[in-house]
Amino acid sequence: MIKENNVPWLQRVADEIITFGIEGPLCLCHGALGHMDFLGTMPERGVLQSLKAANKWRRLLLDRLLSGDWVADEAHSLESPGLMLGLAGSGYALLRACYPQRIPSVLTLEPPPETKAE
């Protein structure tokens, strides 16, 4: 649960992410895909004021990925398969963007959703 006194701080973080744009690394740890996960959780917590700006930011990021830019962390010359700094994290972030109710956030340590036995 988000405390009311944290909402302005979280809103400033969201605004800064949107203002900074989609440049830089893509990694889940400190890159645009981690930012996408953060922005994706803010509306349900009542934090994000400009959903239109966040959706535009997300479309720009997805366009970047579709153009073939898959380098998760620009500081390394070889692409890592890892979760936080590598391609596994990129794949996970995109999967979570498609199915946020089914895929828990590793960044916020969400538990997996309850599933019904078939």
Protein backbone atom coordinates (compact mmCIF):
# COMPACT_ATOMS: atom_id res chain seq x y z
CA MET A 1 0.00 0.00 0.00
CA ILE A 2 1.28 3.45 -0.94
CA LYS A 3 1.23 5.95 1.89
CA GLU A 4 -0.31 9.32 0.98
CA ASN A 5 2.87 11.23 1.81
CA ASN A 6 4.77 9.12 -0.78
CA VAL A 7 2.44 9.97 -3.67
CA PRO A 8 4.08 13.35 -4.55
CA TRP A 9 7.53 11.74 -4.47
CA LEU A 10 6.43 8.85 -6.70
CA GLN A 11 4.72 11.30 -9.06
CA ARG A 12 8.00 13.25 -9.40
CA VAL A 13 9.82 10.01 -10.24
CA ALA A 14 7.20 9.14 -12.89
CA ASP A 15 7.40 12.65 -14.36
CA GLU A 16 11.20 12.45 -14.48
CA ILE A 17 11.10 9.10 -16.29
CA ILE A 18 8.71 10.49 -18.90
CA THR A 19 10.73 13.70 -19.31
CA PHE A 20 14.05 11.83 -19.65
CA GLY A 21 12.65 9.75 -22.48
CA ILE A 22 13.59 6.30 -23.69
CA GLU A 23 17.30 6.87 -24.24
CA GLY A 24 19.98 4.88 -22.45
CA PRO A 25 20.06 1.24 -21.42
CA LEU A 26 17.02 -1.00 -21.69
CA CYS A 27 17.79 -3.32 -18.77
CA LEU A 28 15.26 -4.12 -16.08
CA CYS A 29 17.63 -2.96 -13.33
CA HIS A 30 18.21 0.70 -14.25
CA GLY A 31 16.99 1.06 -17.81
CA ALA A 32 13.89 1.88 -19.81
CA LEU A 33 12.25 -1.53 -19.34
CA GLY A 34 12.50 -1.17 -15.56
CA HIS A 35 11.04 2.31 -15.95
CA MET A 36 8.21 0.83 -18.01
CA ASP A 37 7.42 -1.61 -15.21
CA PHE A 38 7.41 1.24 -12.67
CA LEU A 39 5.11 3.40 -14.83
CA GLY A 40 2.82 0.43 -15.40
CA THR A 41 2.19 -0.01 -11.68
CA MET A 42 1.51 3.65 -10.89
CA PRO A 43 -2.08 4.10 -12.24
CA GLU A 44 -3.44 1.30 -10.04
CA ARG A 45 -1.81 2.99 -7.05
CA GLY A 46 -3.36 6.37 -7.88
CA VAL A 47 -0.01 8.03 -8.57
CA LEU A 48 0.24 8.69 -12.31
CA GLN A 49 -1.40 11.99 -13.24
CA SER A 50 -0.76 11.91 -17.00
CA LEU A 51 -1.72 8.51 -18.34
CA LYS A 52 -1.61 9.92 -21.88
CA ALA A 53 2.05 10.96 -21.50
CA ALA A 54 2.95 7.57 -19.99
CA ASN A 55 1.24 5.72 -22.86
CA LYS A 56 3.09 7.87 -25.41
CA TRP A 57 6.39 7.11 -23.63
CA ARG A 58 5.59 3.40 -23.71
CA ARG A 59 4.76 3.50 -27.45
CA LEU A 60 8.10 5.23 -28.15
CA LEU A 61 9.92 2.55 -26.18
CA LEU A 62 8.15 -0.27 -28.02
CA ASP A 63 8.98 1.42 -31.34
CA ARG A 64 12.63 1.50 -30.27
CA LEU A 65 12.53 -2.23 -29.53
CA LEU A 66 10.74 -3.05 -32.77
CA SER A 67 13.44 -1.17 -34.68
CA GLY A 68 15.92 -3.79 -33.47
CA ASP A 69 17.54 -2.09 -30.48
CA TRP A 70 17.90 -4.95 -27.98
CA VAL A 71 21.05 -3.93 -26.10
CA ALA A 72 19.95 -4.27 -22.48
CA ASP A 73 22.97 -2.56 -20.91
CA GLU A 74 25.16 -0.33 -23.04
CA ALA A 75 28.08 -0.54 -20.60
CA HIS A 76 28.90 -4.11 -21.68
CA SER A 77 30.16 -5.13 -25.11
CA LEU A 78 28.61 -8.61 -24.87
CA GLU A 79 24.92 -9.08 -24.27
CA SER A 80 24.16 -10.89 -21.02
CA PRO A 81 21.44 -13.53 -20.68
CA GLY A 82 20.72 -12.35 -17.11
CA LEU A 83 17.51 -11.07 -15.58
CA MET A 84 18.43 -7.63 -14.24
CA LEU A 85 21.04 -6.58 -16.84
CA GLY A 86 20.37 -8.87 -19.78
CA LEU A 87 18.04 -10.24 -22.39
CA ALA A 88 16.04 -12.39 -19.94
CA GLY A 89 14.98 -9.19 -18.20
CA SER A 90 14.03 -7.62 -21.53
CA GLY A 91 11.84 -10.61 -22.38
CA TYR A 92 10.34 -10.69 -18.90
CA ALA A 93 9.50 -6.95 -19.01
CA LEU A 94 7.74 -7.32 -22.36
CA LEU A 95 5.82 -10.37 -21.13
CA ARG A 96 4.78 -8.45 -18.03
CA ALA A 97 3.70 -5.47 -20.16
CA CYS A 98 1.36 -7.80 -22.06
CA TYR A 99 0.01 -9.64 -19.01
CA PRO A 100 0.44 -7.44 -15.90
CA GLN A 101 -2.27 -9.30 -13.95
CA ARG A 102 -0.68 -12.71 -14.63
CA ILE A 103 3.04 -11.90 -14.35
CA PRO A 104 4.23 -10.56 -10.97
CA SER A 105 6.74 -7.73 -10.75
CA VAL A 106 10.19 -8.85 -9.64
CA LEU A 107 11.05 -5.19 -8.99
CA THR A 108 8.39 -4.85 -6.28
CA LEU A 109 8.62 -8.49 -5.16
CA GLU A 110 4.95 -9.14 -5.92
CA PRO A 111 3.75 -12.63 -5.10
CA PRO A 112 2.42 -14.71 -8.01
CA PRO A 113 -1.31 -14.39 -8.62
CA GLU A 114 -3.63 -17.04 -7.27
CA THR A 115 -4.40 -19.65 -9.90
CA LYS A 116 -7.31 -22.02 -10.07
CA ALA A 117 -6.72 -25.71 -10.61
CA GLU A 118 -8.29 -26.94 -13.83
